[in-house]
């Protein structure tokens, strides 16, 4: 799918460079406004923010479709992200090799949120054979709901659920890249902005982990290719 850039007053390449630079490097929108000006592009920080909110989720959607096949042994966990001075919950899953599977920002941290995350992750990646989680009862309940779904659909195998904290070291280490960027962004002003920005950051992180078939392409070229 090609993302539609019609109606914008700026060329597609300018928009994609701005969005990529913001989600790949820890800069403020005002800093990015200055960087763009130094390159001969006059665009205010509010417009840059709108570009990220509009285009980052669309590019992330394409990334899910185009990423290389992932393993069926998963690691899942959640962390905290501050939005408007309040903590929200960021769900993520990687496979046993550390490749990104899925991610979702949630205002709640309960069975409903965990179920929504696993529904999304399975929709984008298929059913796993095994999922390693921490001692969270909500995450366990979410996975058990997935197993109930398999039973109701007549499947003879279920997802193997392991609650072993040390096995989740791989995803805890993977958070470092996300935390490094969000920490320097100094918080988010809205849930929608936070969710969109995180989706863009995850795509940049997937590119760093070489999750796309892109021999010879630069990170930006890979990011732009996802926009069609």
Foldseek 3Di string as FASTA:
>chain_A
DAADPPPDPDDPVLLLVLLLCPLQDQDELQVSQVVVVVVVDHDHSVVNLVSLLPPLVLLLVLCLVFFAAAALEKEKEWDWAFAQNDTWIKIFMHHLVLAGQDIDIGRDDALVVLLVRVVVSCVSHNHGQEYEYAPDPSNVSSQVVVQVVCVVVPHPHGRHYHHDVVSNVSVVVVCPQVCVNSVSNPHHHDPSSVRSSSSNNSLLSNVVVVRGPDPPDDSSRVSVVSND
